[in-house]
PDB file of all heavy atoms in Angstrom:
ATOM      1  N   SER A   1       0.825  -1.209   0.000  1.00  0.00           N
ATOM      2  CA  SER A   1       0.000   0.000   0.000  1.00  0.00           C
ATOM      3  C   SER A   1       0.857   1.256   0.000  1.00  0.00           C
ATOM      4  O   SER A   1       0.464   2.284  -0.534  1.00  0.00           O
ATOM      5  CB  SER A   1      -0.956   0.008   1.190  1.00  0.00           C
ATOM      6  OG  SER A   1      -0.220   0.080   2.398  1.00  0.00           O
ATOM      7  N   VAL A   2       2.050   1.191   0.561  1.00  0.00           N
ATOM      8  CA  VAL A   2       2.947   2.350   0.571  1.00  0.00           C
ATOM      9  C   VAL A   2       3.461   2.635  -0.825  1.00  0.00           C
ATOM     10  O   VAL A   2       3.542   3.781  -1.260  1.00  0.00           O
ATOM     11  CB  VAL A   2       4.131   2.113   1.539  1.00  0.00           C
ATOM     12  CG1 VAL A   2       5.200   3.172   1.374  1.00  0.00           C
ATOM     13  CG2 VAL A   2       3.643   2.053   2.969  1.00  0.00           C
ATOM     14  N   TYR A   3       3.805   1.598  -1.587  1.00  0.00           N
ATOM     15  CA  TYR A   3       4.407   1.772  -2.899  1.00  0.00           C
ATOM     16  C   TYR A   3       3.409   1.663  -4.045  1.00  0.00           C
ATOM     17  O   TYR A   3       3.795   1.715  -5.198  1.00  0.00           O
ATOM     18  CB  TYR A   3       5.538   0.754  -3.098  1.00  0.00           C
ATOM     19  CG  TYR A   3       6.687   1.007  -2.173  1.00  0.00           C
ATOM     20  CD1 TYR A   3       6.902   0.201  -1.067  1.00  0.00           C
ATOM     21  CD2 TYR A   3       7.529   2.082  -2.382  1.00  0.00           C
ATOM     22  CE1 TYR A   3       7.950   0.444  -0.209  1.00  0.00           C
ATOM     23  CE2 TYR A   3       8.578   2.334  -1.530  1.00  0.00           C
ATOM     24  CZ  TYR A   3       8.788   1.513  -0.438  1.00  0.00           C
ATOM     25  OH  TYR A   3       9.817   1.765   0.410  1.00  0.00           O
ATOM     26  N   ALA A   4       2.155   1.507  -3.739  1.00  0.00           N
ATOM     27  CA  ALA A   4       1.146   1.359  -4.786  1.00  0.00           C
ATOM     28  C   ALA A   4       0.905   2.696  -5.478  1.00  0.00           C
ATOM     29  O   ALA A   4       0.892   3.740  -4.848  1.00  0.00           O
ATOM     30  CB  ALA A   4      -0.159   0.848  -4.202  1.00  0.00           C
ATOM     31  N   ILE A   5       0.743   2.647  -6.788  1.00  0.00           N
ATOM     32  CA  ILE A   5       0.418   3.829  -7.572  1.00  0.00           C
ATOM     33  C   ILE A   5      -0.985   3.632  -8.107  1.00  0.00           C
ATOM     34  O   ILE A   5      -1.301   2.583  -8.656  1.00  0.00           O
ATOM     35  CB  ILE A   5       1.425   4.013  -8.731  1.00  0.00           C
ATOM     36  CG1 ILE A   5       2.818   4.245  -8.177  1.00  0.00           C
ATOM     37  CG2 ILE A   5       0.995   5.154  -9.636  1.00  0.00           C
ATOM     38  CD1 ILE A   5       3.891   4.272  -9.239  1.00  0.00           C
ATOM     39  N   GLU A   6      -1.814   4.630  -7.910  1.00  0.00           N
ATOM     40  CA  GLU A   6      -3.184   4.514  -8.386  1.00  0.00           C
ATOM     41  C   GLU A   6      -3.203   4.364  -9.899  1.00  0.00           C
ATOM     42  O   GLU A   6      -2.361   4.908 -10.600  1.00  0.00           O
ATOM     43  CB  GLU A   6      -3.969   5.761  -8.010  1.00  0.00           C
ATOM     44  CG  GLU A   6      -4.264   5.891  -6.538  1.00  0.00           C
ATOM     45  CD  GLU A   6      -5.126   7.097  -6.261  1.00  0.00           C
ATOM     46  OE1 GLU A   6      -6.167   7.251  -6.922  1.00  0.00           O
ATOM     47  OE2 GLU A   6      -4.731   7.880  -5.403  1.00  0.00           O
ATOM     48  N   THR A   7      -4.173   3.633 -10.384  1.00  0.00           N
ATOM     49  CA  THR A   7      -4.320   3.479 -11.822  1.00  0.00           C
ATOM     50  C   THR A   7      -5.704   3.946 -12.249  1.00  0.00           C
ATOM     51  O   THR A   7      -6.636   3.970 -11.457  1.00  0.00           O
ATOM     52  CB  THR A   7      -4.130   2.014 -12.265  1.00  0.00           C
ATOM     53  OG1 THR A   7      -5.103   1.204 -11.606  1.00  0.00           O
ATOM     54  CG2 THR A   7      -2.746   1.510 -11.943  1.00  0.00           C
ATOM     55  N   THR A   8      -5.799   4.340 -13.486  1.00  0.00           N
ATOM     56  CA  THR A   8      -7.059   4.721 -14.102  1.00  0.00           C
ATOM     57  C   THR A   8      -7.369   3.689 -15.176  1.00  0.00           C
ATOM     58  O   THR A   8      -6.483   3.277 -15.913  1.00  0.00           O
ATOM     59  CB  THR A   8      -6.928   6.116 -14.740  1.00  0.00           C
ATOM     60  OG1 THR A   8      -6.603   7.051 -13.721  1.00  0.00           O
ATOM     61  CG2 THR A   8      -8.207   6.533 -15.425  1.00  0.00           C
ATOM     62  N   GLN A   9      -8.602   3.266 -15.259  1.00  0.00           N
ATOM     63  CA  GLN A   9      -8.992   2.281 -16.258  1.00  0.00           C
ATOM     64  C   GLN A   9      -9.229   2.980 -17.599  1.00  0.00           C
ATOM     65  O   GLN A   9      -9.960   3.958 -17.671  1.00  0.00           O
ATOM     66  CB  GLN A   9     -10.277   1.563 -15.820  1.00  0.00           C
ATOM     67  CG  GLN A   9     -10.110   0.742 -14.559  1.00  0.00           C
ATOM     68  CD  GLN A   9      -9.177  -0.430 -14.759  1.00  0.00           C
ATOM     69  OE1 GLN A   9      -9.242  -1.117 -15.768  1.00  0.00           O
ATOM     70  NE2 GLN A   9      -8.304  -0.654 -13.792  1.00  0.00           N
ATOM     71  N   ILE A  10      -8.560   2.486 -18.649  1.00  0.00           N
ATOM     72  CA  ILE A  10      -8.763   3.024 -19.991  1.00  0.00           C
ATOM     73  C   ILE A  10      -9.195   1.887 -20.909  1.00  0.00           C
ATOM     74  O   ILE A  10      -8.889   0.720 -20.667  1.00  0.00           O
ATOM     75  CB  ILE A  10      -7.506   3.712 -20.559  1.00  0.00           C
ATOM     76  CG1 ILE A  10      -6.356   2.715 -20.684  1.00  0.00           C
ATOM     77  CG2 ILE A  10      -7.117   4.911 -19.728  1.00  0.00           C
ATOM     78  CD1 ILE A  10      -5.210   3.231 -21.502  1.00  0.00           C
ATOM     79  N   GLN A  11      -9.889   2.231 -21.976  1.00  0.00           N
ATOM     80  CA  GLN A  11     -10.345   1.225 -22.920  1.00  0.00           C
ATOM     81  C   GLN A  11      -9.228   0.937 -23.922  1.00  0.00           C
ATOM     82  O   GLN A  11      -8.637   1.852 -24.490  1.00  0.00           O
ATOM     83  CB  GLN A  11     -11.594   1.711 -23.649  1.00  0.00           C
ATOM     84  CG  GLN A  11     -12.311   0.626 -24.388  1.00  0.00           C
ATOM     85  CD  GLN A  11     -13.634   1.091 -24.959  1.00  0.00           C
ATOM     86  OE1 GLN A  11     -13.834   2.275 -25.165  1.00  0.00           O
ATOM     87  NE2 GLN A  11     -14.526   0.152 -25.207  1.00  0.00           N
ATOM     88  N   VAL A  12      -8.911  -0.346 -24.098  1.00  0.00           N
ATOM     89  CA  VAL A  12      -7.843  -0.756 -25.006  1.00  0.00           C
ATOM     90  C   VAL A  12      -8.344  -1.869 -25.922  1.00  0.00           C
ATOM     91  O   VAL A  12      -9.269  -2.595 -25.587  1.00  0.00           O
ATOM     92  CB  VAL A  12      -6.596  -1.249 -24.236  1.00  0.00           C
ATOM     93  CG1 VAL A  12      -5.960  -0.141 -23.437  1.00  0.00           C
ATOM     94  CG2 VAL A  12      -6.943  -2.419 -23.330  1.00  0.00           C
ATOM     95  N   LYS A  13      -7.701  -1.985 -27.093  1.00  0.00           N
ATOM     96  CA  LYS A  13      -8.063  -3.034 -28.045  1.00  0.00           C
ATOM     97  C   LYS A  13      -7.014  -4.134 -27.989  1.00  0.00           C
ATOM     98  O   LYS A  13      -5.817  -3.859 -28.046  1.00  0.00           O
ATOM     99  CB  LYS A  13      -8.156  -2.469 -29.464  1.00  0.00           C
ATOM    100  CG  LYS A  13      -8.706  -3.454 -30.453  1.00  0.00           C
ATOM    101  CD  LYS A  13      -9.020  -2.807 -31.778  1.00  0.00           C
ATOM    102  CE  LYS A  13      -9.677  -3.819 -32.688  1.00  0.00           C
ATOM    103  NZ  LYS A  13     -10.011  -3.234 -33.973  1.00  0.00           N
ATOM    104  N   SER A  14      -7.457  -5.370 -27.897  1.00  0.00           N
ATOM    105  CA  SER A  14      -6.563  -6.515 -27.810  1.00  0.00           C
ATOM    106  C   SER A  14      -5.998  -6.853 -29.186  1.00  0.00           C
ATOM    107  O   SER A  14      -6.717  -6.867 -30.178  1.00  0.00           O
ATOM    108  CB  SER A  14      -7.310  -7.718 -27.254  1.00  0.00           C
ATOM    109  OG  SER A  14      -6.518  -8.878 -27.371  1.00  0.00           O
ATOM    110  N   ASN A  15      -4.700  -7.148 -29.243  1.00  0.00           N
ATOM    111  CA  ASN A  15      -4.075  -7.597 -30.484  1.00  0.00           C
ATOM    112  C   ASN A  15      -4.447  -9.037 -30.800  1.00  0.00           C
ATOM    113  O   ASN A  15      -4.375  -9.468 -31.945  1.00  0.00           O
ATOM    114  CB  ASN A  15      -2.551  -7.497 -30.383  1.00  0.00           C
ATOM    115  CG  ASN A  15      -2.082  -6.072 -30.413  1.00  0.00           C
ATOM    116  OD1 ASN A  15      -2.769  -5.191 -30.903  1.00  0.00           O
ATOM    117  ND2 ASN A  15      -0.904  -5.842 -29.874  1.00  0.00           N
ATOM    118  N   PHE A  16      -4.819  -9.793 -29.778  1.00  0.00           N
ATOM    119  CA  PHE A  16      -5.090 -11.215 -29.968  1.00  0.00           C
ATOM    120  C   PHE A  16      -6.539 -11.484 -30.368  1.00  0.00           C
ATOM    121  O   PHE A  16      -6.803 -12.261 -31.260  1.00  0.00           O
ATOM    122  CB  PHE A  16      -4.740 -11.982 -28.697  1.00  0.00           C
ATOM    123  CG  PHE A  16      -3.312 -11.818 -28.302  1.00  0.00           C
ATOM    124  CD1 PHE A  16      -2.966 -11.068 -27.197  1.00  0.00           C
ATOM    125  CD2 PHE A  16      -2.290 -12.400 -29.044  1.00  0.00           C
ATOM    126  CE1 PHE A  16      -1.646 -10.901 -26.827  1.00  0.00           C
ATOM    127  CE2 PHE A  16      -0.970 -12.243 -28.694  1.00  0.00           C
ATOM    128  CZ  PHE A  16      -0.638 -11.490 -27.580  1.00  0.00           C
ATOM    129  N   THR A  17      -7.478 -10.843 -29.687  1.00  0.00           N
ATOM    130  CA  THR A  17      -8.896 -11.138 -29.939  1.00  0.00           C
ATOM    131  C   THR A  17      -9.569 -10.083 -30.801  1.00  0.00           C
ATOM    132  O   THR A  17     -10.696 -10.269 -31.220  1.00  0.00           O
ATOM    133  CB  THR A  17      -9.664 -11.233 -28.620  1.00  0.00           C
ATOM    134  OG1 THR A  17      -9.639  -9.955 -27.969  1.00  0.00           O
ATOM    135  CG2 THR A  17      -9.080 -12.300 -27.710  1.00  0.00           C
ATOM    136  N   ASN A  18      -8.905  -8.957 -31.034  1.00  0.00           N
ATOM    137  CA  ASN A  18      -9.481  -7.819 -31.760  1.00  0.00           C
ATOM    138  C   ASN A  18     -10.674  -7.211 -31.035  1.00  0.00           C
ATOM    139  O   ASN A  18     -11.391  -6.406 -31.586  1.00  0.00           O
ATOM    140  CB  ASN A  18      -9.886  -8.198 -33.186  1.00  0.00           C
ATOM    141  CG  ASN A  18      -8.958  -7.586 -34.202  1.00  0.00           C
ATOM    142  OD1 ASN A  18      -8.072  -6.810 -33.854  1.00  0.00           O
ATOM    143  ND2 ASN A  18      -9.158  -7.922 -35.453  1.00  0.00           N
ATOM    144  N   GLY A  19     -10.890  -7.614 -29.794  1.00  0.00           N
ATOM    145  CA  GLY A  19     -11.982  -7.063 -29.006  1.00  0.00           C
ATOM    146  C   GLY A  19     -11.491  -5.949 -28.094  1.00  0.00           C
ATOM    147  O   GLY A  19     -10.297  -5.751 -27.913  1.00  0.00           O
ATOM    148  N   TRP A  20     -12.429  -5.220 -27.541  1.00  0.00           N
ATOM    149  CA  TRP A  20     -12.103  -4.110 -26.645  1.00  0.00           C
ATOM    150  C   TRP A  20     -12.257  -4.548 -25.200  1.00  0.00           C
ATOM    151  O   TRP A  20     -13.113  -5.352 -24.867  1.00  0.00           O
ATOM    152  CB  TRP A  20     -13.012  -2.920 -26.928  1.00  0.00           C
ATOM    153  CG  TRP A  20     -12.674  -2.262 -28.223  1.00  0.00           C
ATOM    154  CD1 TRP A  20     -13.171  -2.575 -29.446  1.00  0.00           C
ATOM    155  CD2 TRP A  20     -11.750  -1.202 -28.421  1.00  0.00           C
ATOM    156  NE1 TRP A  20     -12.616  -1.775 -30.406  1.00  0.00           N
ATOM    157  CE2 TRP A  20     -11.741  -0.911 -29.803  1.00  0.00           C
ATOM    158  CE3 TRP A  20     -10.934  -0.468 -27.591  1.00  0.00           C
ATOM    159  CZ2 TRP A  20     -10.940   0.087 -30.352  1.00  0.00           C
ATOM    160  CZ3 TRP A  20     -10.145   0.525 -28.140  1.00  0.00           C
ATOM    161  CH2 TRP A  20     -10.146   0.791 -29.503  1.00  0.00           C
ATOM    162  N   GLY A  21     -11.432  -3.995 -24.329  1.00  0.00           N
ATOM    163  CA  GLY A  21     -11.496  -4.282 -22.901  1.00  0.00           C
ATOM    164  C   GLY A  21     -10.926  -3.106 -22.122  1.00  0.00           C
ATOM    165  O   GLY A  21     -10.653  -2.044 -22.696  1.00  0.00           O
ATOM    166  N   TYR A  22     -10.739  -3.285 -20.836  1.00  0.00           N
ATOM    167  CA  TYR A  22     -10.203  -2.222 -19.988  1.00  0.00           C
ATOM    168  C   TYR A  22      -8.908  -2.679 -19.349  1.00  0.00           C
ATOM    169  O   TYR A  22      -8.720  -3.861 -19.051  1.00  0.00           O
ATOM    170  CB  TYR A  22     -11.212  -1.831 -18.916  1.00  0.00           C
ATOM    171  CG  TYR A  22     -12.388  -1.088 -19.483  1.00  0.00           C
ATOM    172  CD1 TYR A  22     -13.516  -1.759 -19.916  1.00  0.00           C
ATOM    173  CD2 TYR A  22     -12.346   0.280 -19.621  1.00  0.00           C
ATOM    174  CE1 TYR A  22     -14.593  -1.088 -20.463  1.00  0.00           C
ATOM    175  CE2 TYR A  22     -13.409   0.978 -20.169  1.00  0.00           C
ATOM    176  CZ  TYR A  22     -14.524   0.292 -20.582  1.00  0.00           C
ATOM    177  OH  TYR A  22     -15.572   0.972 -21.122  1.00  0.00           O
ATOM    178  N   GLN A  23      -8.000  -1.720 -19.156  1.00  0.00           N
ATOM    179  CA  GLN A  23      -6.716  -2.007 -18.542  1.00  0.00           C
ATOM    180  C   GLN A  23      -6.338  -0.851 -17.627  1.00  0.00           C
ATOM    181  O   GLN A  23      -6.584   0.315 -17.947  1.00  0.00           O
ATOM    182  CB  GLN A  23      -5.653  -2.179 -19.624  1.00  0.00           C
ATOM    183  CG  GLN A  23      -4.280  -2.485 -19.079  1.00  0.00           C
ATOM    184  CD  GLN A  23      -3.284  -2.754 -20.191  1.00  0.00           C
ATOM    185  OE1 GLN A  23      -3.650  -2.994 -21.335  1.00  0.00           O
ATOM    186  NE2 GLN A  23      -2.020  -2.706 -19.855  1.00  0.00           N
ATOM    187  N   GLY A  24      -5.711  -1.167 -16.495  1.00  0.00           N
ATOM    188  CA  GLY A  24      -5.245  -0.130 -15.582  1.00  0.00           C
ATOM    189  C   GLY A  24      -4.019   0.571 -16.136  1.00  0.00           C
ATOM    190  O   GLY A  24      -3.107  -0.065 -16.652  1.00  0.00           O
TER     191      GLY A  24
END
């Protein structure tokens, strides 16, 4: 928890499935 950096979820496209998803 001391070294954790907050992340924001963004929408990304997968190279493998060609589908969209979210990544921190």
